[in-house]
Amino acid sequence: MKTPSLRTVLTAAYLSAMLASSVAPVFSNANLASAATEAPMVVMPVGVAYTKTASPAADPVMNEELMRRLIIRALASRKDGTIEPAICAIFGLCQAGQSLPAKQIGLTVPEGKHIFSVTMTEGSNDVIVAFKREGITELYLTNRSGVLRAAGIADLSGVRLITNEQAAGKYKYEMDFFANAAQSLPPSGTVVARNS
C-alpha cells in the first residue's frame, strides 16, 4: 500500500480541523472590529484515498464543484447571520440601511479570519468572500461560478469599492485558500446533516 507524504497528511488534517472548528456570525457589527462567538460545527466523516504520484499534487483550483461544497456547508449552519448594511450596499445587494441575511463559514488563522458568506435573499446566488484582520476587512463579491464580480475594503474610514484589478491577487489567494478547505468536504451530491 502506498502512503501519503507527510505534507499531504498534515495539510489535510489542518484544513479539516479548521473547517470543523469554525462557523461564526457574519459581519454583525458596524465597525467590523470584533468577531462574534463561534458555533459548533458538525464534523462530517471524510473518506480519503491517497495515491502516490511522481511529484506532489498541485493545490486545487477553485471550480464550481468546490464552490458548491462550500455553499452547502455554509447553508447547513442553523446559526443565522447578517451582512451589515454598508457592505451589502456597496455591492448593490440591499437598500441603504438594510442588512442582508446570510450563512457563513469562518476559518481563523494566525493572520486573521477567512470568511465565506452565502446570502439568503430568495433567488440570489451571491457569495461574499472576505479576509478580516486587525482594522481592515477585504471583501469580494462572487457567485457560484467563483468569478470576481466586485471588491471592496472596510476599515476605520468606512467601506469603499476598489477595482477588480487591484483586488485580483488577494482574491485569488482567498479562492485558493477556500479551494483547499473544500477538498475535505463531501461532494456536492452528498446529504449533509445540519448543525443543531
C-alpha atoms as a PDB file:
ATOM      1  CA  MET A   1       0.000   0.000   0.000  1.00  0.00           C
ATOM      2  CA  LYS A   2       1.314   3.429  -0.925  1.00  0.00           C
ATOM      3  CA  THR A   3       1.366   6.088   1.758  1.00  0.00           C
ATOM      4  CA  PRO A   4       0.723   9.830   1.505  1.00  0.00           C
ATOM      5  CA  SER A   5       3.501  12.336   2.014  1.00  0.00           C
ATOM      6  CA  LEU A   6       3.784  13.907   5.448  1.00  0.00           C
ATOM      7  CA  ARG A   7       2.959  17.310   3.935  1.00  0.00           C
ATOM      8  CA  THR A   8      -0.268  15.937   2.413  1.00  0.00           C
ATOM      9  CA  VAL A   9      -1.358  14.343   5.689  1.00  0.00           C
ATOM     10  CA  LEU A  10      -0.580  17.446   7.756  1.00  0.00           C
ATOM     11  CA  THR A  11      -2.267  19.786   5.275  1.00  0.00           C
ATOM     12  CA  ALA A  12      -5.422  17.642   5.163  1.00  0.00           C
ATOM     13  CA  ALA A  13      -5.530  17.385   8.960  1.00  0.00           C
ATOM     14  CA  TYR A  14      -5.029  21.140   9.394  1.00  0.00           C
ATOM     15  CA  LEU A  15      -7.762  22.079   6.901  1.00  0.00           C
ATOM     16  CA  SER A  16     -10.181  19.523   8.347  1.00  0.00           C
ATOM     17  CA  ALA A  17      -9.585  20.873  11.847  1.00  0.00           C
ATOM     18  CA  MET A  18     -10.065  24.445  10.655  1.00  0.00           C
ATOM     19  CA  LEU A  19     -13.376  23.638   8.956  1.00  0.00           C
ATOM     20  CA  ALA A  20     -14.560  21.594  11.910  1.00  0.00           C
ATOM     21  CA  SER A  21     -13.908  24.326  14.434  1.00  0.00           C
ATOM     22  CA  SER A  22     -15.333  27.487  12.993  1.00  0.00           C
ATOM     23  CA  VAL A  23     -18.729  28.751  11.987  1.00  0.00           C
ATOM     24  CA  ALA A  24     -19.492  32.301  13.111  1.00  0.00           C
ATOM     25  CA  PRO A  25     -21.981  35.146  12.569  1.00  0.00           C
ATOM     26  CA  VAL A  26     -21.383  37.341   9.549  1.00  0.00           C
ATOM     27  CA  PHE A  27     -20.203  40.957   9.848  1.00  0.00           C
ATOM     28  CA  SER A  28     -22.582  41.646  12.724  1.00  0.00           C
ATOM     29  CA  ASN A  29     -21.129  44.933  13.948  1.00  0.00           C
ATOM     30  CA  ALA A  30     -20.800  48.263  12.197  1.00  0.00           C
ATOM     31  CA  ASN A  31     -17.041  48.670  12.547  1.00  0.00           C
ATOM     32  CA  LEU A  32     -16.109  45.021  11.890  1.00  0.00           C
ATOM     33  CA  ALA A  33     -13.724  45.215  14.842  1.00  0.00           C
ATOM     34  CA  SER A  34     -14.781  42.136  16.776  1.00  0.00           C
ATOM     35  CA  ALA A  35     -15.740  38.596  15.843  1.00  0.00           C
ATOM     36  CA  ALA A  36     -18.772  37.029  17.500  1.00  0.00           C
ATOM     37  CA  THR A  37     -18.632  33.711  19.289  1.00  0.00           C
ATOM     38  CA  GLU A  38     -18.370  30.692  17.078  1.00  0.00           C
ATOM     39  CA  ALA A  39     -20.994  27.963  16.898  1.00  0.00           C
ATOM     40  CA  PRO A  40     -20.011  24.301  16.898  1.00  0.00           C
ATOM     41  CA  MET A  41     -19.833  22.621  13.523  1.00  0.00           C
ATOM     42  CA  VAL A  42     -20.935  19.125  12.655  1.00  0.00           C
ATOM     43  CA  VAL A  43     -17.819  17.107  11.837  1.00  0.00           C
ATOM     44  CA  MET A  44     -18.520  15.117   8.723  1.00  0.00           C
ATOM     45  CA  PRO A  45     -16.678  11.844   8.208  1.00  0.00           C
ATOM     46  CA  VAL A  46     -14.302  12.066   5.291  1.00  0.00           C
ATOM     47  CA  GLY A  47     -13.004   9.019   3.469  1.00  0.00           C
ATOM     48  CA  VAL A  48      -9.751   9.958   1.779  1.00  0.00           C
ATOM     49  CA  ALA A  49      -7.975   7.724  -0.701  1.00  0.00           C
ATOM     50  CA  TYR A  50      -4.322   8.617  -1.108  1.00  0.00           C
ATOM     51  CA  THR A  51      -2.236   7.773  -4.135  1.00  0.00           C
ATOM     52  CA  LYS A  52       1.458   8.285  -4.561  1.00  0.00           C
ATOM     53  CA  THR A  53       2.452  10.349  -7.562  1.00  0.00           C
ATOM     54  CA  ALA A  54       5.830  11.131  -9.060  1.00  0.00           C
ATOM     55  CA  SER A  55       5.549  14.719  -7.828  1.00  0.00           C
ATOM     56  CA  PRO A  56       3.413  16.364  -5.145  1.00  0.00           C
ATOM     57  CA  ALA A  57      -0.126  17.146  -6.289  1.00  0.00           C
ATOM     58  CA  ALA A  58      -0.776  20.753  -7.226  1.00  0.00           C
ATOM     59  CA  ASP A  59      -3.030  22.754  -4.946  1.00  0.00           C
ATOM     60  CA  PRO A  60      -6.653  22.569  -6.094  1.00  0.00           C
ATOM     61  CA  VAL A  61      -8.049  25.416  -8.153  1.00  0.00           C
ATOM     62  CA  MET A  62     -11.487  26.766  -7.253  1.00  0.00           C
ATOM     63  CA  ASN A  63     -14.177  25.390  -9.517  1.00  0.00           C
ATOM     64  CA  GLU A  64     -17.977  25.119  -9.419  1.00  0.00           C
ATOM     65  CA  GLU A  65     -17.911  21.775  -7.569  1.00  0.00           C
ATOM     66  CA  LEU A  66     -15.720  23.150  -4.772  1.00  0.00           C
ATOM     67  CA  MET A  67     -17.894  26.293  -4.601  1.00  0.00           C
ATOM     68  CA  ARG A  68     -21.000  24.095  -4.285  1.00  0.00           C
ATOM     69  CA  ARG A  69     -19.370  22.171  -1.411  1.00  0.00           C
ATOM     70  CA  LEU A  70     -18.646  25.403   0.460  1.00  0.00           C
ATOM     71  CA  ILE A  71     -22.133  26.778  -0.183  1.00  0.00           C
ATOM     72  CA  ILE A  72     -23.764  23.547   1.036  1.00  0.00           C
ATOM     73  CA  ARG A  73     -21.586  23.590   4.157  1.00  0.00           C
ATOM     74  CA  ALA A  74     -22.442  27.230   4.916  1.00  0.00           C
ATOM     75  CA  LEU A  75     -26.165  26.645   4.368  1.00  0.00           C
ATOM     76  CA  ALA A  76     -26.059  23.666   6.762  1.00  0.00           C
ATOM     77  CA  SER A  77     -25.470  26.043   9.676  1.00  0.00           C
ATOM     78  CA  ARG A  78     -28.508  26.747  11.849  1.00  0.00           C
ATOM     79  CA  LYS A  79     -26.925  29.979  13.081  1.00  0.00           C
ATOM     80  CA  ASP A  80     -28.285  32.982  11.225  1.00  0.00           C
ATOM     81  CA  GLY A  81     -26.056  35.928  10.454  1.00  0.00           C
ATOM     82  CA  THR A  82     -26.229  39.180   8.566  1.00  0.00           C
ATOM     83  CA  ILE A  83     -24.026  41.206   6.305  1.00  0.00           C
ATOM     84  CA  GLU A  84     -24.020  44.766   7.550  1.00  0.00           C
ATOM     85  CA  PRO A  85     -25.777  47.472   5.515  1.00  0.00           C
ATOM     86  CA  ALA A  86     -22.618  49.312   4.418  1.00  0.00           C
ATOM     87  CA  ILE A  87     -21.170  46.144   2.883  1.00  0.00           C
ATOM     88  CA  CYS A  88     -24.269  44.900   1.077  1.00  0.00           C
ATOM     89  CA  ALA A  89     -25.000  48.467  -0.121  1.00  0.00           C
ATOM     90  CA  ILE A  90     -21.606  48.939  -1.856  1.00  0.00           C
ATOM     91  CA  PHE A  91     -22.214  45.694  -3.730  1.00  0.00           C
ATOM     92  CA  GLY A  92     -25.794  46.730  -4.621  1.00  0.00           C
ATOM     93  CA  LEU A  93     -27.323  43.783  -2.735  1.00  0.00           C
ATOM     94  CA  CYS A  94     -29.617  45.718  -0.377  1.00  0.00           C
ATOM     95  CA  GLN A  95     -31.364  49.026   0.157  1.00  0.00           C
ATOM     96  CA  ALA A  96     -29.499  51.701   2.140  1.00  0.00           C
ATOM     97  CA  GLY A  97     -29.662  50.969   5.857  1.00  0.00           C
ATOM     98  CA  GLN A  98     -30.786  47.343   5.488  1.00  0.00           C
ATOM     99  CA  SER A  99     -28.695  44.346   6.480  1.00  0.00           C
ATOM    100  CA  LEU A 100     -28.616  41.176   4.405  1.00  0.00           C
ATOM    101  CA  PRO A 101     -29.356  37.718   5.874  1.00  0.00           C
ATOM    102  CA  ALA A 102     -26.536  35.231   5.271  1.00  0.00           C
ATOM    103  CA  LYS A 103     -24.974  31.942   6.352  1.00  0.00           C
ATOM    104  CA  GLN A 104     -21.228  31.550   6.638  1.00  0.00           C
ATOM    105  CA  ILE A 105     -18.115  29.531   7.224  1.00  0.00           C
ATOM    106  CA  GLY A 106     -15.357  31.306   9.144  1.00  0.00           C
ATOM    107  CA  LEU A 107     -11.819  29.908   9.318  1.00  0.00           C
ATOM    108  CA  THR A 108      -9.409  31.560  11.754  1.00  0.00           C
ATOM    109  CA  VAL A 109      -5.666  31.539  11.067  1.00  0.00           C
ATOM    110  CA  PRO A 110      -2.874  33.395  12.920  1.00  0.00           C
ATOM    111  CA  GLU A 111      -3.030  36.303  10.429  1.00  0.00           C
ATOM    112  CA  GLY A 112      -6.804  36.832  10.673  1.00  0.00           C
ATOM    113  CA  LYS A 113     -10.080  35.213   9.625  1.00  0.00           C
ATOM    114  CA  HIS A 114     -11.203  33.911   6.223  1.00  0.00           C
ATOM    115  CA  ILE A 115     -14.975  34.246   5.769  1.00  0.00           C
ATOM    116  CA  PHE A 116     -17.230  32.623   3.158  1.00  0.00           C
ATOM    117  CA  SER A 117     -20.779  34.085   3.285  1.00  0.00           C
ATOM    118  CA  VAL A 118     -23.793  32.899   1.293  1.00  0.00           C
ATOM    119  CA  THR A 119     -26.583  35.469   1.001  1.00  0.00           C
ATOM    120  CA  MET A 120     -30.069  34.263   1.903  1.00  0.00           C
ATOM    121  CA  THR A 121     -32.141  36.500  -0.382  1.00  0.00           C
ATOM    122  CA  GLU A 122     -34.630  34.430  -2.380  1.00  0.00           C
ATOM    123  CA  GLY A 123     -33.417  33.790  -5.909  1.00  0.00           C
ATOM    124  CA  SER A 124     -29.912  35.075  -5.154  1.00  0.00           C
ATOM    125  CA  ASN A 125     -26.705  33.125  -5.660  1.00  0.00           C
ATOM    126  CA  ASP A 126     -24.432  35.867  -4.297  1.00  0.00           C
ATOM    127  CA  VAL A 127     -21.410  34.919  -2.204  1.00  0.00           C
ATOM    128  CA  ILE A 128     -19.205  37.346  -0.285  1.00  0.00           C
ATOM    129  CA  VAL A 129     -15.692  36.161   0.497  1.00  0.00           C
ATOM    130  CA  ALA A 130     -13.680  38.185   2.992  1.00  0.00           C
ATOM    131  CA  PHE A 131     -10.430  38.253   4.890  1.00  0.00           C
ATOM    132  CA  LYS A 132     -10.619  40.074   8.209  1.00  0.00           C
ATOM    133  CA  ARG A 133      -7.562  41.184  10.134  1.00  0.00           C
ATOM    134  CA  GLU A 134      -6.929  43.891  12.682  1.00  0.00           C
ATOM    135  CA  GLY A 135      -8.508  47.126  11.468  1.00  0.00           C
ATOM    136  CA  ILE A 136      -9.292  46.045   7.908  1.00  0.00           C
ATOM    137  CA  THR A 137     -11.514  43.626   6.023  1.00  0.00           C
ATOM    138  CA  GLU A 138     -11.001  42.784   2.350  1.00  0.00           C
ATOM    139  CA  LEU A 139     -14.315  41.994   0.629  1.00  0.00           C
ATOM    140  CA  TYR A 140     -15.030  40.136  -2.608  1.00  0.00           C
ATOM    141  CA  LEU A 141     -18.379  39.594  -4.318  1.00  0.00           C
ATOM    142  CA  THR A 142     -18.764  36.456  -6.400  1.00  0.00           C
ATOM    143  CA  ASN A 143     -21.363  33.761  -7.055  1.00  0.00           C
ATOM    144  CA  ARG A 144     -21.429  30.004  -7.567  1.00  0.00           C
ATOM    145  CA  SER A 145     -19.055  30.394 -10.542  1.00  0.00           C
ATOM    146  CA  GLY A 146     -16.271  31.805  -8.339  1.00  0.00           C
ATOM    147  CA  VAL A 147     -15.669  34.700 -10.768  1.00  0.00           C
ATOM    148  CA  LEU A 148     -14.831  38.024  -9.063  1.00  0.00           C
ATOM    149  CA  ARG A 149     -17.685  40.471  -9.667  1.00  0.00           C
ATOM    150  CA  ALA A 150     -16.708  43.350  -7.333  1.00  0.00           C
ATOM    151  CA  ALA A 151     -14.296  44.082  -4.491  1.00  0.00           C
ATOM    152  CA  GLY A 152     -14.156  46.410  -1.515  1.00  0.00           C
ATOM    153  CA  ILE A 153     -12.276  47.370   1.627  1.00  0.00           C
ATOM    154  CA  ALA A 154     -13.747  48.056   5.077  1.00  0.00           C
ATOM    155  CA  ASP A 155     -11.553  49.912   7.538  1.00  0.00           C
ATOM    156  CA  LEU A 156     -11.787  52.679  10.127  1.00  0.00           C
ATOM    157  CA  SER A 157     -12.560  55.231   7.398  1.00  0.00           C
ATOM    158  CA  GLY A 158     -15.568  53.250   6.136  1.00  0.00           C
ATOM    159  CA  VAL A 159     -16.415  50.827   3.347  1.00  0.00           C
ATOM    160  CA  ARG A 160     -15.414  51.523  -0.248  1.00  0.00           C
ATOM    161  CA  LEU A 161     -15.117  49.740  -3.584  1.00  0.00           C
ATOM    162  CA  ILE A 162     -11.784  49.011  -5.221  1.00  0.00           C
ATOM    163  CA  THR A 163     -11.196  47.844  -8.785  1.00  0.00           C
ATOM    164  CA  ASN A 164     -11.165  44.160  -9.646  1.00  0.00           C
ATOM    165  CA  GLU A 165      -7.644  44.661 -10.975  1.00  0.00           C
ATOM    166  CA  GLN A 166      -6.494  45.957  -7.568  1.00  0.00           C
ATOM    167  CA  ALA A 167      -8.156  43.008  -5.847  1.00  0.00           C
ATOM    168  CA  ALA A 168      -7.174  40.220  -8.262  1.00  0.00           C
ATOM    169  CA  GLY A 169      -4.102  38.882  -6.433  1.00  0.00           C
ATOM    170  CA  LYS A 170      -5.673  38.807  -2.978  1.00  0.00           C
ATOM    171  CA  TYR A 171      -8.924  37.380  -4.358  1.00  0.00           C
ATOM    172  CA  LYS A 172      -7.010  34.541  -5.997  1.00  0.00           C
ATOM    173  CA  TYR A 173      -5.324  33.845  -2.651  1.00  0.00           C
ATOM    174  CA  GLU A 174      -8.734  33.654  -0.916  1.00  0.00           C
ATOM    175  CA  MET A 175     -10.112  31.357  -3.607  1.00  0.00           C
ATOM    176  CA  ASP A 176      -7.053  29.090  -3.351  1.00  0.00           C
ATOM    177  CA  PHE A 177      -7.440  29.018   0.439  1.00  0.00           C
ATOM    178  CA  PHE A 178     -11.105  28.012   0.238  1.00  0.00           C
ATOM    179  CA  ALA A 179     -10.450  25.521  -2.598  1.00  0.00           C
ATOM    180  CA  ASN A 180      -8.001  23.731  -0.290  1.00  0.00           C
ATOM    181  CA  ALA A 181     -10.548  23.816   2.540  1.00  0.00           C
ATOM    182  CA  ALA A 182     -13.331  22.497   0.278  1.00  0.00           C
ATOM    183  CA  GLN A 183     -11.262  19.425  -0.637  1.00  0.00           C
ATOM    184  CA  SER A 184     -12.102  17.884   2.757  1.00  0.00           C
ATOM    185  CA  LEU A 185     -15.863  18.477   2.383  1.00  0.00           C
ATOM    186  CA  PRO A 186     -18.193  15.818   0.950  1.00  0.00           C
ATOM    187  CA  PRO A 187     -19.020  16.023  -2.766  1.00  0.00           C
ATOM    188  CA  SER A 188     -21.963  18.308  -3.511  1.00  0.00           C
ATOM    189  CA  GLY A 189     -24.347  15.394  -4.122  1.00  0.00           C
ATOM    190  CA  THR A 190     -23.854  14.160  -0.541  1.00  0.00           C
ATOM    191  CA  VAL A 191     -26.510  14.856   2.100  1.00  0.00           C
ATOM    192  CA  VAL A 192     -25.045  16.948   4.939  1.00  0.00           C
ATOM    193  CA  ALA A 193     -26.533  16.964   8.440  1.00  0.00           C
ATOM    194  CA  ARG A 194     -27.457  20.418   9.730  1.00  0.00           C
ATOM    195  CA  ASN A 195     -25.857  21.855  12.849  1.00  0.00           C
ATOM    196  CA  SER A 196     -28.001  21.791  15.958  1.00  0.00           C
END
